[in-house]
Amino acid sequence: MFSDNLLYLRNIKGLSQEQVAEAVGISRQSYSKWEQGDTFPNIDKCDKLAKFYGVTADYLLGLSQTRNHP
């Protein structure tokens, strides 16, 4: 679910993996592995991703259907 949400959010924003990776402070290769479900980010990176995309961490992780960040 996490990897699907990353791909979905990146695509609806029209961003490249490189753009998101730069904004979060990681390599494009690391972000690609997250989207593929090969690895998962630590909690700090999850928080940065959620804030970057404007969603809750619960939504990003697939724990909630509520997408909007409060």
N, C-alpha and C. Protein backbone atom coordinates (compact mmCIF):
# COMPACT_ATOMS: atom_id res chain seq x y z
N MET A 1 0.82 -1.19 0.00
CA MET A 1 0.00 0.00 0.00
C MET A 1 0.87 1.26 0.00
N PHE A 2 1.93 1.26 0.80
CA PHE A 2 2.81 2.43 0.88
C PHE A 2 3.39 2.78 -0.49
N SER A 3 3.94 1.79 -1.17
CA SER A 3 4.56 2.05 -2.47
C SER A 3 3.52 2.54 -3.49
N ASP A 4 2.32 1.97 -3.45
CA ASP A 4 1.24 2.42 -4.34
C ASP A 4 0.88 3.87 -4.08
N ASN A 5 0.81 4.23 -2.81
CA ASN A 5 0.47 5.62 -2.46
C ASN A 5 1.56 6.59 -2.91
N LEU A 6 2.81 6.20 -2.76
CA LEU A 6 3.90 7.06 -3.23
C LEU A 6 3.79 7.31 -4.73
N LEU A 7 3.60 6.25 -5.48
CA LEU A 7 3.49 6.38 -6.93
C LEU A 7 2.29 7.22 -7.31
N TYR A 8 1.15 6.97 -6.69
CA TYR A 8 -0.06 7.73 -6.97
C TYR A 8 0.14 9.22 -6.69
N LEU A 9 0.65 9.55 -5.53
CA LEU A 9 0.83 10.96 -5.16
C LEU A 9 1.83 11.66 -6.06
N ARG A 10 2.90 10.98 -6.39
CA ARG A 10 3.90 11.59 -7.28
C ARG A 10 3.32 11.85 -8.66
N ASN A 11 2.55 10.89 -9.16
CA ASN A 11 1.97 11.05 -10.50
C ASN A 11 0.91 12.14 -10.55
N ILE A 12 0.06 12.25 -9.52
CA ILE A 12 -0.97 13.29 -9.58
C ILE A 12 -0.36 14.68 -9.44
N LYS A 13 0.82 14.76 -8.84
CA LYS A 13 1.51 16.05 -8.74
C LYS A 13 2.38 16.32 -9.97
N GLY A 14 2.54 15.31 -10.82
CA GLY A 14 3.32 15.47 -12.04
C GLY A 14 4.81 15.66 -11.79
N LEU A 15 5.33 14.96 -10.79
CA LEU A 15 6.73 15.11 -10.41
C LEU A 15 7.54 13.89 -10.82
N SER A 16 8.83 14.09 -10.98
CA SER A 16 9.74 12.97 -11.23
C SER A 16 10.23 12.43 -9.89
N GLN A 17 10.76 11.23 -9.92
CA GLN A 17 11.35 10.67 -8.71
C GLN A 17 12.49 11.57 -8.22
N GLU A 18 13.25 12.10 -9.14
CA GLU A 18 14.37 12.99 -8.80
C GLU A 18 13.88 14.22 -8.04
N GLN A 19 12.78 14.82 -8.49
CA GLN A 19 12.25 16.01 -7.83
C GLN A 19 11.82 15.72 -6.39
N VAL A 20 11.13 14.61 -6.20
CA VAL A 20 10.68 14.25 -4.86
C VAL A 20 11.87 13.91 -3.97
N ALA A 21 12.80 13.14 -4.51
CA ALA A 21 13.97 12.75 -3.73
C ALA A 21 14.76 13.98 -3.27
N GLU A 22 14.92 14.93 -4.14
CA GLU A 22 15.63 16.16 -3.78
C GLU A 22 14.90 16.92 -2.68
N ALA A 23 13.60 17.00 -2.78
CA ALA A 23 12.80 17.72 -1.78
C ALA A 23 12.87 17.06 -0.41
N VAL A 24 13.00 15.74 -0.39
CA VAL A 24 13.03 14.99 0.86
C VAL A 24 14.46 14.80 1.38
N GLY A 25 15.44 15.01 0.52
CA GLY A 25 16.83 14.91 0.93
C GLY A 25 17.42 13.51 0.85
N ILE A 26 17.03 12.79 -0.21
CA ILE A 26 17.53 11.44 -0.42
C ILE A 26 17.95 11.29 -1.88
N SER A 27 18.49 10.13 -2.23
CA SER A 27 18.85 9.87 -3.63
C SER A 27 17.61 9.39 -4.40
N ARG A 28 17.67 9.56 -5.72
CA ARG A 28 16.58 9.07 -6.55
C ARG A 28 16.48 7.56 -6.45
N GLN A 29 17.61 6.89 -6.31
CA GLN A 29 17.62 5.43 -6.20
C GLN A 29 16.88 4.97 -4.94
N SER A 30 17.08 5.68 -3.83
CA SER A 30 16.37 5.33 -2.60
C SER A 30 14.87 5.50 -2.78
N TYR A 31 14.47 6.61 -3.39
CA TYR A 31 13.05 6.85 -3.61
C TYR A 31 12.46 5.77 -4.52
N SER A 32 13.19 5.42 -5.55
CA SER A 32 12.74 4.38 -6.47
C SER A 32 12.50 3.06 -5.74
N LYS A 33 13.40 2.71 -4.82
CA LYS A 33 13.24 1.48 -4.05
C LYS A 33 11.99 1.54 -3.17
N TRP A 34 11.67 2.71 -2.65
CA TRP A 34 10.44 2.87 -1.85
C TRP A 34 9.22 2.64 -2.72
N GLU A 35 9.22 3.25 -3.93
CA GLU A 35 8.07 3.09 -4.84
C GLU A 35 7.91 1.64 -5.29
N GLN A 36 9.00 0.94 -5.41
CA GLN A 36 8.95 -0.46 -5.85
C GLN A 36 8.63 -1.40 -4.69
N GLY A 37 8.66 -0.88 -3.48
CA GLY A 37 8.37 -1.71 -2.31
C GLY A 37 9.55 -2.55 -1.86
N ASP A 38 10.74 -2.23 -2.37
CA ASP A 38 11.93 -2.99 -2.00
C ASP A 38 12.44 -2.62 -0.60
N THR A 39 12.32 -1.34 -0.26
CA THR A 39 12.73 -0.85 1.06
C THR A 39 11.70 0.16 1.54
N PHE A 40 11.82 0.54 2.80
CA PHE A 40 10.91 1.53 3.39
C PHE A 40 11.72 2.60 4.10
N PRO A 41 11.22 3.83 4.09
CA PRO A 41 11.94 4.91 4.75
C PRO A 41 11.79 4.85 6.27
N ASN A 42 12.69 5.52 6.96
CA ASN A 42 12.55 5.64 8.41
C ASN A 42 11.43 6.62 8.72
N ILE A 43 11.08 6.74 9.98
CA ILE A 43 9.93 7.56 10.38
C ILE A 43 10.12 9.04 10.02
N ASP A 44 11.35 9.53 10.12
CA ASP A 44 11.61 10.94 9.77
C ASP A 44 11.33 11.20 8.29
N LYS A 45 11.75 10.28 7.45
CA LYS A 45 11.52 10.44 6.01
C LYS A 45 10.03 10.28 5.68
N CYS A 46 9.34 9.40 6.39
CA CYS A 46 7.89 9.26 6.20
C CYS A 46 7.20 10.58 6.52
N ASP A 47 7.62 11.21 7.60
CA ASP A 47 7.04 12.49 7.99
C ASP A 47 7.31 13.55 6.92
N LYS A 48 8.54 13.59 6.42
CA LYS A 48 8.87 14.56 5.36
C LYS A 48 8.05 14.32 4.10
N LEU A 49 7.90 13.05 3.73
CA LEU A 49 7.09 12.72 2.56
C LEU A 49 5.64 13.15 2.74
N ALA A 50 5.09 12.85 3.90
CA ALA A 50 3.69 13.21 4.17
C ALA A 50 3.51 14.72 4.07
N LYS A 51 4.40 15.46 4.68
CA LYS A 51 4.32 16.93 4.63
C LYS A 51 4.51 17.44 3.21
N PHE A 52 5.45 16.86 2.49
CA PHE A 52 5.69 17.27 1.11
C PHE A 52 4.45 17.07 0.24
N TYR A 53 3.80 15.93 0.41
CA TYR A 53 2.61 15.62 -0.39
C TYR A 53 1.33 16.22 0.19
N GLY A 54 1.40 16.74 1.41
CA GLY A 54 0.21 17.34 2.03
C GLY A 54 -0.82 16.32 2.46
N VAL A 55 -0.33 15.17 2.91
CA VAL A 55 -1.21 14.10 3.38
C VAL A 55 -0.80 13.70 4.79
N THR A 56 -1.63 12.91 5.43
CA THR A 56 -1.27 12.40 6.75
C THR A 56 -0.30 11.22 6.58
N ALA A 57 0.49 10.99 7.60
CA ALA A 57 1.40 9.84 7.58
C ALA A 57 0.58 8.54 7.55
N ASP A 58 -0.54 8.53 8.25
CA ASP A 58 -1.42 7.35 8.24
C ASP A 58 -1.89 7.03 6.83
N TYR A 59 -2.27 8.05 6.06
CA TYR A 59 -2.70 7.82 4.68
C TYR A 59 -1.53 7.27 3.86
N LEU A 60 -0.39 7.90 4.00
CA LEU A 60 0.78 7.48 3.24
C LEU A 60 1.12 6.02 3.50
N LEU A 61 0.99 5.60 4.74
CA LEU A 61 1.31 4.22 5.12
C LEU A 61 0.17 3.24 4.86
N GLY A 62 -0.97 3.74 4.42
CA GLY A 62 -2.10 2.87 4.12
C GLY A 62 -2.92 2.51 5.34
N LEU A 63 -2.80 3.29 6.41
CA LEU A 63 -3.53 3.01 7.65
C LEU A 63 -4.84 3.77 7.75
N SER A 64 -5.04 4.71 6.84
CA SER A 64 -6.25 5.54 6.86
C SER A 64 -6.62 5.92 5.44
N GLN A 65 -7.90 6.10 5.22
CA GLN A 65 -8.38 6.57 3.91
C GLN A 65 -8.41 8.09 3.84
N THR A 66 -8.25 8.76 4.99
CA THR A 66 -8.25 10.21 5.02
C THR A 66 -6.92 10.71 4.50
N ARG A 67 -6.99 11.43 3.39
CA ARG A 67 -5.77 11.87 2.72
C ARG A 67 -5.27 13.21 3.19
N ASN A 68 -6.16 14.15 3.43
CA ASN A 68 -5.76 15.53 3.70
C ASN A 68 -5.06 15.68 5.03
N HIS A 69 -4.01 16.45 5.00
CA HIS A 69 -3.26 16.77 6.21
C HIS A 69 -4.06 17.81 6.98
N PRO A 70 -4.19 17.66 8.29
CA PRO A 70 -4.99 18.62 9.08
C PRO A 70 -4.41 20.02 9.04
